Amino acid sequence: MFQHLFLSEVLKELWFHHERAASVLHAEVDDAGYDVIIEVDNCIRHIQLKSSVDRRDLRINYRITTQARGCVVFMHFEDTGTPQNLKITYYCSREVPPSP
C-alpha cells in the first residue's frame, strides 16, 4: 500500500507541477537493496521504501549504498491513517548527486 501511495505522490508532482514523464520499475526480489526505480529525464534513482510505527526500528538494506543515486524513503501516517496525513522523509548518501 505504501508503495502505491508514494508513487502516486511522486507521479502527481512530476506530471502536474513539473510537466515531466517518469518511468517506474519494480523490483521482484529485494536482494539489491531497492524496491523501485524511477527515471526522469535520464536521471535514474534507486529507492528503498520503508514504513514503520517506530522510526527507531528501521532496518535498511545496506546494498542501497552501492547504487549511484540510491536513497531510502521513510513513510508514516501522522495522527490518522488517511492519505492526507501521509508524511514522507527521504535519506540519501552524501555521494548522491542532486536529482531533478
C-alpha atoms as a PDB file:
ATOM      1  CA  MET A   1       0.000   0.000   0.000  1.00  0.00           C
ATOM      2  CA  PHE A   2       2.771   2.475   0.899  1.00  0.00           C
ATOM      3  CA  GLN A   3       4.497   1.904  -2.413  1.00  0.00           C
ATOM      4  CA  HIS A   4       1.325   2.852  -4.293  1.00  0.00           C
ATOM      5  CA  LEU A   5       0.787   5.943  -2.156  1.00  0.00           C
ATOM      6  CA  PHE A   6       4.400   7.033  -2.610  1.00  0.00           C
ATOM      7  CA  LEU A   7       4.356   6.542  -6.379  1.00  0.00           C
ATOM      8  CA  SER A   8       1.043   8.355  -6.617  1.00  0.00           C
ATOM      9  CA  GLU A   9       2.501  11.393  -4.848  1.00  0.00           C
ATOM     10  CA  VAL A  10       5.707  11.369  -6.916  1.00  0.00           C
ATOM     11  CA  LEU A  11       3.900  10.997 -10.233  1.00  0.00           C
ATOM     12  CA  LYS A  12       1.336  13.694  -9.385  1.00  0.00           C
ATOM     13  CA  GLU A  13       4.163  16.082  -8.526  1.00  0.00           C
ATOM     14  CA  LEU A  14       6.050  15.305 -11.730  1.00  0.00           C
ATOM     15  CA  TRP A  15       3.053  15.386 -14.065  1.00  0.00           C
ATOM     16  CA  PHE A  16       1.034  18.280 -12.689  1.00  0.00           C
ATOM     17  CA  HIS A  17       3.708  20.583 -11.281  1.00  0.00           C
ATOM     18  CA  HIS A  18       6.741  19.917 -13.469  1.00  0.00           C
ATOM     19  CA  GLU A  19       5.120  18.525 -16.655  1.00  0.00           C
ATOM     20  CA  ARG A  20       7.565  15.620 -16.764  1.00  0.00           C
ATOM     21  CA  ALA A  21       7.008  11.966 -17.507  1.00  0.00           C
ATOM     22  CA  ALA A  22       8.600   9.185 -15.467  1.00  0.00           C
ATOM     23  CA  SER A  23       9.420   5.532 -15.945  1.00  0.00           C
ATOM     24  CA  VAL A  24       8.807   3.313 -12.933  1.00  0.00           C
ATOM     25  CA  LEU A  25      10.332  -0.140 -12.464  1.00  0.00           C
ATOM     26  CA  HIS A  26       9.518  -2.501  -9.593  1.00  0.00           C
ATOM     27  CA  ALA A  27      11.967  -4.996  -8.116  1.00  0.00           C
ATOM     28  CA  GLU A  28      10.569  -8.504  -7.906  1.00  0.00           C
ATOM     29  CA  VAL A  29      13.211  -9.577  -5.375  1.00  0.00           C
ATOM     30  CA  ASP A  30      14.514  -7.407  -2.532  1.00  0.00           C
ATOM     31  CA  ASP A  31      18.132  -8.545  -2.671  1.00  0.00           C
ATOM     32  CA  ALA A  32      19.699  -5.467  -4.300  1.00  0.00           C
ATOM     33  CA  GLY A  33      18.537  -3.017  -1.627  1.00  0.00           C
ATOM     34  CA  TYR A  34      15.879  -1.194  -3.629  1.00  0.00           C
ATOM     35  CA  ASP A  35      12.147  -1.624  -4.141  1.00  0.00           C
ATOM     36  CA  VAL A  36      11.524   0.725  -7.031  1.00  0.00           C
ATOM     37  CA  ILE A  37      13.489   2.605  -9.685  1.00  0.00           C
ATOM     38  CA  ILE A  38      12.269   5.922 -11.040  1.00  0.00           C
ATOM     39  CA  GLU A  39      13.760   7.524 -14.145  1.00  0.00           C
ATOM     40  CA  VAL A  40      13.085  11.150 -15.069  1.00  0.00           C
ATOM     41  CA  ASP A  41      14.960  12.930 -17.868  1.00  0.00           C
ATOM     42  CA  ASN A  42      17.704  10.242 -17.934  1.00  0.00           C
ATOM     43  CA  CYS A  43      18.197  10.572 -14.159  1.00  0.00           C
ATOM     44  CA  ILE A  44      17.793   7.168 -12.501  1.00  0.00           C
ATOM     45  CA  ARG A  45      17.047   6.871  -8.780  1.00  0.00           C
ATOM     46  CA  HIS A  46      17.055   3.537  -6.898  1.00  0.00           C
ATOM     47  CA  ILE A  47      14.686   3.778  -3.940  1.00  0.00           C
ATOM     48  CA  GLN A  48      14.294   1.597  -0.868  1.00  0.00           C
ATOM     49  CA  LEU A  49      10.880   2.115   0.742  1.00  0.00           C
ATOM     50  CA  LYS A  50      10.359   1.813   4.478  1.00  0.00           C
ATOM     51  CA  SER A  51       7.359   2.256   6.745  1.00  0.00           C
ATOM     52  CA  SER A  52       7.066   1.755  10.456  1.00  0.00           C
ATOM     53  CA  VAL A  53       5.221   2.975  13.501  1.00  0.00           C
ATOM     54  CA  ASP A  54       8.546   3.448  15.298  1.00  0.00           C
ATOM     55  CA  ARG A  55      11.315   5.142  13.260  1.00  0.00           C
ATOM     56  CA  ARG A  56      13.962   3.743  15.602  1.00  0.00           C
ATOM     57  CA  ASP A  57      13.162   0.243  14.357  1.00  0.00           C
ATOM     58  CA  LEU A  58      14.040   0.763  10.681  1.00  0.00           C
ATOM     59  CA  ARG A  59      16.218  -1.889   9.096  1.00  0.00           C
ATOM     60  CA  ILE A  60      17.829  -0.643   5.918  1.00  0.00           C
ATOM     61  CA  ASN A  61      19.371  -2.956   3.337  1.00  0.00           C
ATOM     62  CA  TYR A  62      22.970  -1.699   3.054  1.00  0.00           C
ATOM     63  CA  ARG A  63      23.100  -2.629  -0.645  1.00  0.00           C
ATOM     64  CA  ILE A  64      21.212   0.556  -1.472  1.00  0.00           C
ATOM     65  CA  THR A  65      24.514   2.371  -0.877  1.00  0.00           C
ATOM     66  CA  THR A  66      26.054   0.589  -3.872  1.00  0.00           C
ATOM     67  CA  GLN A  67      23.677   2.405  -6.214  1.00  0.00           C
ATOM     68  CA  ALA A  68      24.941   5.716  -7.627  1.00  0.00           C
ATOM     69  CA  ARG A  69      21.707   7.518  -6.757  1.00  0.00           C
ATOM     70  CA  GLY A  70      20.354   5.259  -4.043  1.00  0.00           C
ATOM     71  CA  CYS A  71      18.098   6.619  -1.342  1.00  0.00           C
ATOM     72  CA  VAL A  72      15.776   5.433   1.391  1.00  0.00           C
ATOM     73  CA  VAL A  73      12.243   6.813   1.672  1.00  0.00           C
ATOM     74  CA  PHE A  74      10.511   6.550   5.040  1.00  0.00           C
ATOM     75  CA  MET A  75       6.711   6.843   5.103  1.00  0.00           C
ATOM     76  CA  HIS A  76       4.347   7.045   8.031  1.00  0.00           C
ATOM     77  CA  PHE A  77       0.952   8.445   8.919  1.00  0.00           C
ATOM     78  CA  GLU A  78       0.650  11.241  11.440  1.00  0.00           C
ATOM     79  CA  ASP A  79      -2.433  11.178  13.675  1.00  0.00           C
ATOM     80  CA  THR A  80      -4.814   9.159  11.490  1.00  0.00           C
ATOM     81  CA  GLY A  81      -4.264   6.599   8.790  1.00  0.00           C
ATOM     82  CA  THR A  82      -5.617   8.727   5.943  1.00  0.00           C
ATOM     83  CA  PRO A  83      -3.626   9.587   2.803  1.00  0.00           C
ATOM     84  CA  GLN A  84      -3.879  13.281   3.694  1.00  0.00           C
ATOM     85  CA  ASN A  85      -1.711  12.610   6.753  1.00  0.00           C
ATOM     86  CA  LEU A  86       0.993  10.634   4.939  1.00  0.00           C
ATOM     87  CA  LYS A  87       4.440  12.015   5.791  1.00  0.00           C
ATOM     88  CA  ILE A  88       7.389  11.208   3.560  1.00  0.00           C
ATOM     89  CA  THR A  89      11.031  11.665   4.551  1.00  0.00           C
ATOM     90  CA  TYR A  90      13.996  10.658   2.440  1.00  0.00           C
ATOM     91  CA  TYR A  91      17.650   9.955   3.164  1.00  0.00           C
ATOM     92  CA  CYS A  92      20.395   9.894   0.549  1.00  0.00           C
ATOM     93  CA  SER A  93      24.097   9.234   0.867  1.00  0.00           C
ATOM     94  CA  ARG A  94      26.470  12.212   0.598  1.00  0.00           C
ATOM     95  CA  GLU A  95      27.810  10.856  -2.670  1.00  0.00           C
ATOM     96  CA  VAL A  96      24.413  11.009  -4.304  1.00  0.00           C
ATOM     97  CA  PRO A  97      24.237  13.840  -6.861  1.00  0.00           C
ATOM     98  CA  PRO A  98      21.183  16.089  -6.628  1.00  0.00           C
ATOM     99  CA  SER A  99      18.199  14.743  -8.526  1.00  0.00           C
ATOM    100  CA  PRO A 100      15.882  16.744 -10.756  1.00  0.00           C
END
